[in-house]
Amino acid sequence: MRPGSLAGARAAIIISANLANIVLLPRIGPRWLVAPGMLAAAAGLAWLTRIGVHSSYAADVLPPLLLASTGLGFVMSPSMNTGTAGVAPSDAGAASAMVNTGQQVGGSIGTSLLNTMAASAAASYLASHLSPRLMTGGHPAPALAELAQVHSYTTAFWWAAGMFAGGSVLAALLFRRGAPAAPATEKASAQ
């Protein structure tokens, strides 16, 4: 992938995160940003399951990537803001650290889990499709290896889409209505 090939996705996430956090979050609160944002990310990932060996970046990868990136902009920024909203200034550092730690641990576990699922899917695909005529020099033929790799990607995309869809339901049920709470003052938190 070329260095600038993700510029559109970066722009989408920057624009949607700023729009969500600055304009929409104070007006409608996190519930109606995070839940639809996760649903948009799930839709983008489900759309990515349509890739194939001969898919092109511009036609088959970029559009779903833009949809998922826009959705993630509506998820991450309002979630971080809401996670530290209403915290006394003296506790803001600890609250921010907890939110960031949760994000990092969740991302690490999610990446590890999806990587394991993708590797298992590729191995399973190869095992079920391997035959002597599809071997080249003791290894799977390049065409078979490419198909296994695409299968691994689509499997991981489906699982990730399901996780985001589940997260959308949880966000709709668990996030509070309305704008995040104003920061507590030191005097009020001491009482």
N, C-alpha and C. Protein backbone atom coordinates (compact mmCIF):
# COMPACT_ATOMS: atom_id res chain seq x y z
N MET A 1 0.85 -1.18 0.00
CA MET A 1 0.00 0.00 0.00
C MET A 1 0.89 1.24 0.00
N ARG A 2 0.54 2.18 -0.84
CA ARG A 2 1.32 3.41 -0.94
C ARG A 2 1.16 4.26 0.32
N PRO A 3 2.15 5.08 0.67
CA PRO A 3 2.08 5.91 1.88
C PRO A 3 0.85 6.81 1.94
N GLY A 4 0.42 7.37 0.82
CA GLY A 4 -0.72 8.29 0.83
C GLY A 4 -2.05 7.61 0.63
N SER A 5 -2.08 6.27 0.55
CA SER A 5 -3.33 5.57 0.24
C SER A 5 -4.35 5.62 1.36
N LEU A 6 -3.95 5.95 2.54
CA LEU A 6 -4.89 6.05 3.66
C LEU A 6 -5.27 7.50 3.98
N ALA A 7 -4.86 8.43 3.14
CA ALA A 7 -5.14 9.85 3.40
C ALA A 7 -6.63 10.13 3.46
N GLY A 8 -7.42 9.50 2.60
CA GLY A 8 -8.87 9.70 2.62
C GLY A 8 -9.50 9.22 3.90
N ALA A 9 -9.04 8.07 4.39
CA ALA A 9 -9.57 7.53 5.64
C ALA A 9 -9.19 8.43 6.82
N ARG A 10 -7.96 8.92 6.80
CA ARG A 10 -7.52 9.84 7.86
C ARG A 10 -8.35 11.11 7.85
N ALA A 11 -8.59 11.65 6.67
CA ALA A 11 -9.40 12.87 6.55
C ALA A 11 -10.81 12.62 7.05
N ALA A 12 -11.39 11.48 6.70
CA ALA A 12 -12.76 11.17 7.13
C ALA A 12 -12.85 11.08 8.65
N ILE A 13 -11.88 10.44 9.27
CA ILE A 13 -11.93 10.29 10.73
C ILE A 13 -11.68 11.63 11.43
N ILE A 14 -10.80 12.46 10.87
CA ILE A 14 -10.53 13.77 11.48
C ILE A 14 -11.76 14.66 11.38
N ILE A 15 -12.37 14.70 10.22
CA ILE A 15 -13.55 15.55 10.02
C ILE A 15 -14.71 15.08 10.89
N SER A 16 -14.99 13.77 10.88
CA SER A 16 -16.13 13.28 11.66
C SER A 16 -15.88 13.39 13.16
N ALA A 17 -14.65 13.19 13.62
CA ALA A 17 -14.35 13.33 15.05
C ALA A 17 -14.53 14.77 15.51
N ASN A 18 -14.07 15.71 14.72
CA ASN A 18 -14.24 17.11 15.09
C ASN A 18 -15.70 17.53 15.04
N LEU A 19 -16.40 17.12 13.99
CA LEU A 19 -17.83 17.44 13.90
C LEU A 19 -18.59 16.84 15.08
N ALA A 20 -18.29 15.60 15.41
CA ALA A 20 -18.98 14.93 16.51
C ALA A 20 -18.69 15.60 17.84
N ASN A 21 -17.43 15.88 18.11
CA ASN A 21 -17.04 16.38 19.43
C ASN A 21 -17.37 17.86 19.64
N ILE A 22 -17.16 18.68 18.62
CA ILE A 22 -17.32 20.12 18.78
C ILE A 22 -18.76 20.57 18.54
N VAL A 23 -19.39 20.03 17.49
CA VAL A 23 -20.71 20.52 17.10
C VAL A 23 -21.84 19.68 17.70
N LEU A 24 -21.75 18.36 17.55
CA LEU A 24 -22.90 17.51 17.89
C LEU A 24 -22.95 17.04 19.34
N LEU A 25 -21.83 16.68 19.93
CA LEU A 25 -21.84 16.14 21.29
C LEU A 25 -22.49 17.09 22.29
N PRO A 26 -22.18 18.39 22.29
CA PRO A 26 -22.83 19.28 23.25
C PRO A 26 -24.34 19.41 23.03
N ARG A 27 -24.81 19.11 21.84
CA ARG A 27 -26.23 19.27 21.54
C ARG A 27 -27.05 18.00 21.77
N ILE A 28 -26.51 16.86 21.34
CA ILE A 28 -27.33 15.64 21.39
C ILE A 28 -26.76 14.55 22.30
N GLY A 29 -25.57 14.71 22.78
CA GLY A 29 -24.98 13.73 23.68
C GLY A 29 -24.36 12.55 22.94
N PRO A 30 -23.71 11.68 23.69
CA PRO A 30 -22.94 10.59 23.06
C PRO A 30 -23.78 9.44 22.53
N ARG A 31 -24.93 9.18 23.10
CA ARG A 31 -25.72 8.02 22.69
C ARG A 31 -26.01 8.05 21.19
N TRP A 32 -26.43 9.20 20.70
CA TRP A 32 -26.84 9.31 19.30
C TRP A 32 -25.67 9.61 18.36
N LEU A 33 -24.46 9.55 18.88
CA LEU A 33 -23.26 9.64 18.05
C LEU A 33 -22.53 8.29 18.04
N VAL A 34 -22.33 7.73 19.22
CA VAL A 34 -21.54 6.51 19.33
C VAL A 34 -22.28 5.31 18.73
N ALA A 35 -23.55 5.13 19.05
CA ALA A 35 -24.29 3.97 18.54
C ALA A 35 -24.37 3.98 17.01
N PRO A 36 -24.79 5.08 16.37
CA PRO A 36 -24.78 5.08 14.90
C PRO A 36 -23.36 5.02 14.31
N GLY A 37 -22.39 5.60 15.00
CA GLY A 37 -21.01 5.53 14.53
C GLY A 37 -20.51 4.10 14.50
N MET A 38 -20.84 3.33 15.53
CA MET A 38 -20.44 1.92 15.55
C MET A 38 -21.17 1.14 14.47
N LEU A 39 -22.42 1.50 14.24
CA LEU A 39 -23.17 0.84 13.17
C LEU A 39 -22.57 1.15 11.80
N ALA A 40 -22.13 2.40 11.59
CA ALA A 40 -21.48 2.77 10.33
C ALA A 40 -20.16 2.01 10.17
N ALA A 41 -19.40 1.89 11.25
CA ALA A 41 -18.15 1.12 11.19
C ALA A 41 -18.44 -0.34 10.87
N ALA A 42 -19.49 -0.90 11.48
CA ALA A 42 -19.87 -2.28 11.19
C ALA A 42 -20.26 -2.45 9.72
N ALA A 43 -21.01 -1.48 9.20
CA ALA A 43 -21.42 -1.54 7.79
C ALA A 43 -20.20 -1.46 6.86
N GLY A 44 -19.25 -0.59 7.20
CA GLY A 44 -18.03 -0.48 6.39
C GLY A 44 -17.24 -1.77 6.40
N LEU A 45 -17.14 -2.41 7.56
CA LEU A 45 -16.41 -3.67 7.65
C LEU A 45 -17.14 -4.79 6.92
N ALA A 46 -18.48 -4.81 7.03
CA ALA A 46 -19.25 -5.82 6.29
C ALA A 46 -19.07 -5.62 4.78
N TRP A 47 -19.03 -4.37 4.36
CA TRP A 47 -18.82 -4.06 2.95
C TRP A 47 -17.45 -4.54 2.48
N LEU A 48 -16.46 -4.45 3.35
CA LEU A 48 -15.12 -4.92 3.01
C LEU A 48 -15.05 -6.43 2.77
N THR A 49 -16.04 -7.18 3.25
CA THR A 49 -16.02 -8.63 3.03
C THR A 49 -16.23 -8.98 1.56
N ARG A 50 -16.56 -8.01 0.74
CA ARG A 50 -16.78 -8.26 -0.69
C ARG A 50 -15.48 -8.21 -1.50
N ILE A 51 -14.35 -7.95 -0.84
CA ILE A 51 -13.10 -7.88 -1.58
C ILE A 51 -12.74 -9.25 -2.15
N GLY A 52 -11.97 -9.22 -3.20
CA GLY A 52 -11.50 -10.45 -3.82
C GLY A 52 -10.04 -10.32 -4.19
N VAL A 53 -9.52 -11.32 -4.82
CA VAL A 53 -8.11 -11.34 -5.19
C VAL A 53 -7.78 -10.20 -6.17
N HIS A 54 -8.73 -9.88 -7.03
CA HIS A 54 -8.48 -8.86 -8.04
C HIS A 54 -9.17 -7.54 -7.73
N SER A 55 -9.51 -7.29 -6.50
CA SER A 55 -10.16 -6.03 -6.12
C SER A 55 -9.19 -4.88 -6.25
N SER A 56 -9.74 -3.71 -6.58
CA SER A 56 -8.88 -2.52 -6.66
C SER A 56 -9.11 -1.67 -5.41
N TYR A 57 -8.09 -0.91 -5.08
CA TYR A 57 -8.19 -0.07 -3.89
C TYR A 57 -9.27 0.99 -4.05
N ALA A 58 -9.24 1.72 -5.16
CA ALA A 58 -10.15 2.85 -5.35
C ALA A 58 -11.61 2.42 -5.40
N ALA A 59 -11.90 1.30 -6.02
CA ALA A 59 -13.30 0.88 -6.18
C ALA A 59 -13.80 -0.01 -5.06
N ASP A 60 -12.94 -0.86 -4.52
CA ASP A 60 -13.41 -1.89 -3.59
C ASP A 60 -12.99 -1.72 -2.13
N VAL A 61 -11.95 -0.95 -1.89
CA VAL A 61 -11.46 -0.79 -0.52
C VAL A 61 -11.74 0.62 0.02
N LEU A 62 -11.48 1.63 -0.77
CA LEU A 62 -11.61 3.01 -0.29
C LEU A 62 -13.03 3.37 0.16
N PRO A 63 -14.09 3.08 -0.61
CA PRO A 63 -15.43 3.47 -0.15
C PRO A 63 -15.82 2.86 1.20
N PRO A 64 -15.65 1.53 1.43
CA PRO A 64 -15.99 1.02 2.75
C PRO A 64 -15.05 1.54 3.85
N LEU A 65 -13.80 1.80 3.49
CA LEU A 65 -12.85 2.36 4.45
C LEU A 65 -13.28 3.75 4.89
N LEU A 66 -13.78 4.56 3.95
CA LEU A 66 -14.28 5.90 4.29
C LEU A 66 -15.50 5.81 5.20
N LEU A 67 -16.40 4.87 4.92
CA LEU A 67 -17.58 4.69 5.77
C LEU A 67 -17.18 4.27 7.18
N ALA A 68 -16.30 3.29 7.29
CA ALA A 68 -15.85 2.83 8.61
C ALA A 68 -15.10 3.94 9.35
N SER A 69 -14.27 4.68 8.65
CA SER A 69 -13.50 5.77 9.28
C SER A 69 -14.41 6.88 9.78
N THR A 70 -15.41 7.23 8.98
CA THR A 70 -16.36 8.24 9.42
C THR A 70 -17.09 7.77 10.67
N GLY A 71 -17.51 6.52 10.67
CA GLY A 71 -18.18 5.97 11.86
C GLY A 71 -17.28 5.99 13.08
N LEU A 72 -16.02 5.63 12.90
CA LEU A 72 -15.09 5.62 14.04
C LEU A 72 -14.83 7.02 14.59
N GLY A 73 -14.88 8.02 13.72
CA GLY A 73 -14.75 9.41 14.20
C GLY A 73 -15.90 9.77 15.13
N PHE A 74 -17.08 9.24 14.85
CA PHE A 74 -18.23 9.50 15.70
C PHE A 74 -18.21 8.65 16.97
N VAL A 75 -17.33 7.67 17.02
CA VAL A 75 -17.23 6.80 18.20
C VAL A 75 -16.13 7.27 19.15
N MET A 76 -14.93 7.43 18.64
CA MET A 76 -13.76 7.63 19.51
C MET A 76 -13.77 8.96 20.26
N SER A 77 -13.91 10.04 19.55
CA SER A 77 -13.82 11.35 20.20
C SER A 77 -14.93 11.57 21.24
N PRO A 78 -16.20 11.31 20.90
CA PRO A 78 -17.24 11.48 21.92
C PRO A 78 -17.09 10.51 23.09
N SER A 79 -16.60 9.31 22.83
CA SER A 79 -16.40 8.34 23.92
C SER A 79 -15.33 8.82 24.89
N MET A 80 -14.21 9.31 24.34
CA MET A 80 -13.14 9.82 25.20
C MET A 80 -13.62 11.03 25.99
N ASN A 81 -14.34 11.92 25.33
CA ASN A 81 -14.85 13.12 26.00
C ASN A 81 -15.83 12.74 27.10
N THR A 82 -16.72 11.82 26.82
CA THR A 82 -17.72 11.41 27.80
C THR A 82 -17.08 10.67 28.97
N GLY A 83 -16.03 9.91 28.69
CA GLY A 83 -15.36 9.16 29.74
C GLY A 83 -14.69 10.04 30.78
N THR A 84 -14.38 11.28 30.42
CA THR A 84 -13.74 12.19 31.37
C THR A 84 -14.65 13.36 31.75
N ALA A 85 -15.87 13.36 31.27
CA ALA A 85 -16.80 14.46 31.57
C ALA A 85 -17.26 14.39 33.03
N GLY A 86 -17.42 15.53 33.63
CA GLY A 86 -17.91 15.61 35.00
C GLY A 86 -16.89 15.26 36.07
N VAL A 87 -15.64 15.09 35.69
CA VAL A 87 -14.59 14.72 36.64
C VAL A 87 -13.97 15.99 37.22
N ALA A 88 -13.73 15.98 38.50
CA ALA A 88 -13.09 17.13 39.15
C ALA A 88 -11.71 17.35 38.53
N PRO A 89 -11.29 18.59 38.42
CA PRO A 89 -9.98 18.87 37.82
C PRO A 89 -8.83 18.10 38.48
N SER A 90 -8.90 17.88 39.78
CA SER A 90 -7.82 17.16 40.46
C SER A 90 -7.79 15.67 40.08
N ASP A 91 -8.90 15.15 39.56
CA ASP A 91 -8.98 13.74 39.17
C ASP A 91 -8.92 13.56 37.65
N ALA A 92 -8.79 14.65 36.91
CA ALA A 92 -8.84 14.57 35.45
C ALA A 92 -7.72 13.71 34.88
N GLY A 93 -6.54 13.80 35.43
CA GLY A 93 -5.41 13.00 34.93
C GLY A 93 -5.65 11.51 35.11
N ALA A 94 -6.12 11.13 36.29
CA ALA A 94 -6.39 9.71 36.55
C ALA A 94 -7.53 9.20 35.68
N ALA A 95 -8.58 10.02 35.52
CA ALA A 95 -9.72 9.61 34.69
C ALA A 95 -9.28 9.44 33.24
N SER A 96 -8.50 10.39 32.74
CA SER A 96 -8.01 10.31 31.37
C SER A 96 -7.12 9.09 31.18
N ALA A 97 -6.28 8.81 32.16
CA ALA A 97 -5.41 7.64 32.08
C ALA A 97 -6.22 6.35 32.04
N MET A 98 -7.28 6.28 32.82
CA MET A 98 -8.12 5.08 32.82
C MET A 98 -8.82 4.89 31.47
N VAL A 99 -9.34 5.97 30.92
CA VAL A 99 -10.00 5.89 29.61
C VAL A 99 -9.00 5.46 28.54
N ASN A 100 -7.83 6.06 28.53
CA ASN A 100 -6.80 5.71 27.54
C ASN A 100 -6.32 4.27 27.72
N THR A 101 -6.16 3.85 28.96
CA THR A 101 -5.74 2.47 29.22
C THR A 101 -6.78 1.49 28.71
N GLY A 102 -8.05 1.79 28.99
CA GLY A 102 -9.12 0.93 28.49
C GLY A 102 -9.11 0.83 26.98
N GLN A 103 -8.90 1.96 26.31
CA GLN A 103 -8.85 1.97 24.85
C GLN A 103 -7.67 1.14 24.35
N GLN A 104 -6.50 1.31 24.95
CA GLN A 104 -5.31 0.59 24.51
C GLN A 104 -5.43 -0.92 24.76
N VAL A 105 -5.93 -1.29 25.93
CA VAL A 105 -6.08 -2.72 26.24
C VAL A 105 -7.12 -3.35 25.31
N GLY A 106 -8.24 -2.65 25.13
CA GLY A 106 -9.27 -3.17 24.23
C GLY A 106 -8.77 -3.32 22.81
N GLY A 107 -8.03 -2.33 22.33
CA GLY A 107 -7.47 -2.41 20.98
C GLY A 107 -6.47 -3.54 20.84
N SER A 108 -5.66 -3.75 21.87
CA SER A 108 -4.66 -4.83 21.82
C SER A 108 -5.33 -6.19 21.82
N ILE A 109 -6.32 -6.37 22.68
CA ILE A 109 -7.03 -7.65 22.74
C ILE A 109 -7.79 -7.89 21.44
N GLY A 110 -8.46 -6.84 20.94
CA GLY A 110 -9.21 -6.98 19.69
C GLY A 110 -8.31 -7.33 18.52
N THR A 111 -7.18 -6.66 18.42
CA THR A 111 -6.24 -6.95 17.33
C THR A 111 -5.72 -8.38 17.43
N SER A 112 -5.35 -8.80 18.62
CA SER A 112 -4.85 -10.17 18.81
C SER A 112 -5.91 -11.20 18.47
N LEU A 113 -7.12 -10.95 18.92
CA LEU A 113 -8.22 -11.88 18.66
C LEU A 113 -8.53 -11.97 17.17
N LEU A 114 -8.63 -10.83 16.50
CA LEU A 114 -8.94 -10.84 15.07
C LEU A 114 -7.79 -11.44 14.26
N ASN A 115 -6.56 -11.19 14.67
CA ASN A 115 -5.41 -11.79 13.99
C ASN A 115 -5.43 -13.31 14.12
N THR A 116 -5.77 -13.79 15.29
CA THR A 116 -5.84 -15.23 15.51
C THR A 116 -6.96 -15.84 14.67
N MET A 117 -8.11 -15.16 14.62
CA MET A 117 -9.22 -15.65 13.80
C MET A 117 -8.84 -15.68 12.31
N ALA A 118 -8.16 -14.63 11.85
CA ALA A 118 -7.75 -14.57 10.45
C ALA A 118 -6.75 -15.67 10.12
N ALA A 119 -5.78 -15.88 10.99
CA ALA A 119 -4.78 -16.93 10.75
C ALA A 119 -5.43 -18.31 10.75
N SER A 120 -6.35 -18.53 11.67
CA SER A 120 -7.07 -19.82 11.72
C SER A 120 -7.92 -20.02 10.47
N ALA A 121 -8.56 -18.95 10.00
CA ALA A 121 -9.38 -19.05 8.80
C ALA A 121 -8.52 -19.37 7.58
N ALA A 122 -7.35 -18.76 7.48
CA ALA A 122 -6.45 -19.04 6.35
C ALA A 122 -5.97 -20.49 6.40
N ALA A 123 -5.58 -20.94 7.58
CA ALA A 123 -5.10 -22.31 7.72
C ALA A 123 -6.20 -23.31 7.41
N SER A 124 -7.39 -23.03 7.89
CA SER A 124 -8.53 -23.91 7.63
C SER A 124 -8.87 -23.95 6.14
N TYR A 125 -8.82 -22.79 5.49
CA TYR A 125 -9.09 -22.72 4.06
C TYR A 125 -8.06 -23.54 3.28
N LEU A 126 -6.80 -23.35 3.62
CA LEU A 126 -5.75 -24.11 2.94
C LEU A 126 -5.91 -25.61 3.16
N ALA A 127 -6.20 -26.00 4.39
CA ALA A 127 -6.34 -27.43 4.70
C ALA A 127 -7.51 -28.05 3.95
N SER A 128 -8.59 -27.31 3.79
CA SER A 128 -9.76 -27.89 3.13
C SER A 128 -9.68 -27.83 1.61
N HIS A 129 -8.80 -27.01 1.06
CA HIS A 129 -8.70 -26.87 -0.39
C HIS A 129 -7.39 -27.43 -0.98
N LEU A 130 -6.51 -27.91 -0.14
CA LEU A 130 -5.21 -28.36 -0.61
C LEU A 130 -5.30 -29.74 -1.25
N SER A 131 -4.68 -29.87 -2.37
CA SER A 131 -4.58 -31.16 -3.05
C SER A 131 -3.22 -31.19 -3.76
N PRO A 132 -2.77 -32.37 -4.16
CA PRO A 132 -1.46 -32.45 -4.82
C PRO A 132 -1.36 -31.57 -6.06
N ARG A 133 -2.43 -31.38 -6.80
CA ARG A 133 -2.36 -30.56 -8.01
C ARG A 133 -2.27 -29.07 -7.68
N LEU A 134 -2.57 -28.69 -6.43
CA LEU A 134 -2.48 -27.29 -6.01
C LEU A 134 -1.21 -27.00 -5.21
N MET A 135 -0.23 -27.87 -5.36
CA MET A 135 1.05 -27.68 -4.69
C MET A 135 2.10 -27.28 -5.71
N THR A 136 2.98 -26.38 -5.28
CA THR A 136 4.09 -25.96 -6.12
C THR A 136 5.35 -25.98 -5.26
N GLY A 137 6.24 -26.91 -5.54
CA GLY A 137 7.49 -27.00 -4.78
C GLY A 137 7.26 -27.28 -3.30
N GLY A 138 6.25 -28.08 -2.99
CA GLY A 138 5.98 -28.42 -1.60
C GLY A 138 5.16 -27.37 -0.84
N HIS A 139 4.76 -26.33 -1.51
CA HIS A 139 3.96 -25.26 -0.89
C HIS A 139 2.67 -25.07 -1.67
N PRO A 140 1.67 -24.48 -1.04
CA PRO A 140 0.43 -24.20 -1.79
C PRO A 140 0.73 -23.29 -2.98
N ALA A 141 0.03 -23.52 -4.07
CA ALA A 141 0.18 -22.68 -5.26
C ALA A 141 -0.17 -21.24 -4.90
N PRO A 142 0.47 -20.28 -5.55
CA PRO A 142 0.22 -18.87 -5.24
C PRO A 142 -1.26 -18.48 -5.32
N ALA A 143 -1.99 -19.01 -6.29
CA ALA A 143 -3.42 -18.68 -6.43
C ALA A 143 -4.20 -19.15 -5.20
N LEU A 144 -3.87 -20.34 -4.71
CA LEU A 144 -4.55 -20.88 -3.53
C LEU A 144 -4.18 -20.06 -2.29
N ALA A 145 -2.92 -19.68 -2.18
CA ALA A 145 -2.48 -18.86 -1.04
C ALA A 145 -3.18 -17.51 -1.04
N GLU A 146 -3.37 -16.92 -2.23
CA GLU A 146 -4.08 -15.64 -2.33
C GLU A 146 -5.53 -15.78 -1.90
N LEU A 147 -6.18 -16.85 -2.32
CA LEU A 147 -7.58 -17.08 -1.93
C LEU A 147 -7.69 -17.29 -0.41
N ALA A 148 -6.73 -18.01 0.15
CA ALA A 148 -6.74 -18.23 1.60
C ALA A 148 -6.55 -16.91 2.34
N GLN A 149 -5.68 -16.06 1.81
CA GLN A 149 -5.45 -14.76 2.44
C GLN A 149 -6.70 -13.90 2.39
N VAL A 150 -7.38 -13.85 1.25
CA VAL A 150 -8.62 -13.08 1.14
C VAL A 150 -9.67 -13.65 2.09
N HIS A 151 -9.74 -14.98 2.17
CA HIS A 151 -10.70 -15.61 3.10
C HIS A 151 -10.40 -15.20 4.54
N SER A 152 -9.13 -15.12 4.88
CA SER A 152 -8.77 -14.72 6.25
C SER A 152 -9.21 -13.29 6.53
N TYR A 153 -9.04 -12.40 5.54
CA TYR A 153 -9.47 -11.01 5.70
C TYR A 153 -10.98 -10.92 5.87
N THR A 154 -11.70 -11.60 5.00
CA THR A 154 -13.16 -11.49 5.07
C THR A 154 -13.70 -12.08 6.37
N THR A 155 -13.07 -13.13 6.85
CA THR A 155 -13.49 -13.70 8.13
C THR A 155 -13.29 -12.69 9.26
N ALA A 156 -12.13 -12.06 9.29
CA ALA A 156 -11.85 -11.05 10.32
C ALA A 156 -12.78 -9.85 10.18
N PHE A 157 -13.07 -9.44 8.94
CA PHE A 157 -13.99 -8.31 8.74
C PHE A 157 -15.39 -8.65 9.25
N TRP A 158 -15.86 -9.87 8.99
CA TRP A 158 -17.19 -10.25 9.49
C TRP A 158 -17.24 -10.24 11.01
N TRP A 159 -16.22 -10.80 11.65
CA TRP A 159 -16.19 -10.81 13.11
C TRP A 159 -16.12 -9.40 13.67
N ALA A 160 -15.29 -8.55 13.08
CA ALA A 160 -15.18 -7.17 13.55
C ALA A 160 -16.50 -6.42 13.34
N ALA A 161 -17.16 -6.67 12.21
CA ALA A 161 -18.46 -6.04 11.95
C ALA A 161 -19.47 -6.47 13.02
N GLY A 162 -19.45 -7.74 13.37
CA GLY A 162 -20.35 -8.23 14.43
C GLY A 162 -20.05 -7.59 15.78
N MET A 163 -18.77 -7.42 16.07
CA MET A 163 -18.38 -6.78 17.34
C MET A 163 -18.86 -5.33 17.37
N PHE A 164 -18.70 -4.62 16.27
CA PHE A 164 -19.16 -3.23 16.23
C PHE A 164 -20.68 -3.15 16.28
N ALA A 165 -21.37 -4.08 15.64
CA ALA A 165 -22.84 -4.08 15.71
C ALA A 165 -23.29 -4.33 17.15
N GLY A 166 -22.64 -5.26 17.83
CA GLY A 166 -22.95 -5.49 19.25
C GLY A 166 -22.63 -4.28 20.10
N GLY A 167 -21.51 -3.64 19.80
CA GLY A 167 -21.14 -2.42 20.52
C GLY A 167 -22.13 -1.30 20.29
N SER A 168 -22.72 -1.25 19.11
CA SER A 168 -23.73 -0.25 18.81
C SER A 168 -24.96 -0.43 19.70
N VAL A 169 -25.38 -1.67 19.86
CA VAL A 169 -26.53 -1.95 20.74
C VAL A 169 -26.19 -1.58 22.18
N LEU A 170 -25.01 -1.97 22.63
CA LEU A 170 -24.61 -1.63 24.01
C LEU A 170 -24.52 -0.12 24.21
N ALA A 171 -23.98 0.60 23.23
CA ALA A 171 -23.88 2.06 23.35
C ALA A 171 -25.26 2.68 23.42
N ALA A 172 -26.18 2.19 22.61
CA ALA A 172 -27.55 2.74 22.62
C ALA A 172 -28.23 2.49 23.96
N LEU A 173 -27.90 1.36 24.59
CA LEU A 173 -28.54 1.02 25.86
C LEU A 173 -27.85 1.66 27.07
N LEU A 174 -26.53 1.83 27.02
CA LEU A 174 -25.78 2.22 28.21
C LEU A 174 -25.38 3.69 28.28
N PHE A 175 -25.19 4.35 27.14
CA PHE A 175 -24.81 5.76 27.20
C PHE A 175 -26.01 6.58 27.68
N ARG A 176 -25.70 7.60 28.47
CA ARG A 176 -26.75 8.49 28.96
C ARG A 176 -27.28 9.36 27.85
N ARG A 177 -28.49 9.83 28.07
CA ARG A 177 -29.08 10.80 27.13
C ARG A 177 -28.51 12.17 27.43
N GLY A 178 -28.52 13.02 26.42
CA GLY A 178 -28.11 14.41 26.61
C GLY A 178 -26.61 14.59 26.59
N ALA A 179 -26.24 15.85 26.70
CA ALA A 179 -24.83 16.22 26.66
C ALA A 179 -24.10 15.73 27.91
N PRO A 180 -22.78 15.52 27.79
CA PRO A 180 -21.99 15.10 28.96
C PRO A 180 -22.06 16.15 30.08
N ALA A 181 -21.87 15.69 31.29
CA ALA A 181 -21.91 16.57 32.46
C ALA A 181 -20.77 17.58 32.41
N ALA A 182 -21.05 18.74 32.95
CA ALA A 182 -20.02 19.78 33.06
C ALA A 182 -18.99 19.34 34.09
N PRO A 183 -17.76 19.81 33.97
CA PRO A 183 -16.73 19.43 34.94
C PRO A 183 -17.12 19.86 36.35
N ALA A 184 -16.86 18.99 37.28
CA ALA A 184 -17.11 19.32 38.68
C ALA A 184 -16.07 20.32 39.16
N THR A 185 -16.44 21.16 40.09
CA THR A 185 -15.48 22.10 40.65
C THR A 185 -14.82 21.47 41.85
N GLU A 186 -13.66 21.97 42.20
CA GLU A 186 -12.95 21.45 43.37
C GLU A 186 -13.75 21.61 44.63
N LYS A 187 -14.45 22.72 44.76
CA LYS A 187 -15.23 23.00 45.97
C LYS A 187 -16.39 22.02 46.09
N ALA A 188 -17.08 21.75 44.98
CA ALA A 188 -18.22 20.86 44.99
C ALA A 188 -17.78 19.42 45.25
N SER A 189 -16.63 19.01 44.73
CA SER A 189 -16.18 17.64 44.92
C SER A 189 -15.64 17.39 46.32
N ALA A 190 -15.26 18.44 47.04
CA ALA A 190 -14.74 18.28 48.40
C ALA A 190 -15.86 18.07 49.40
N GLN A 191 -17.07 18.44 49.05
CA GLN A 191 -18.19 18.33 50.01
C GLN A 191 -18.71 16.95 50.13
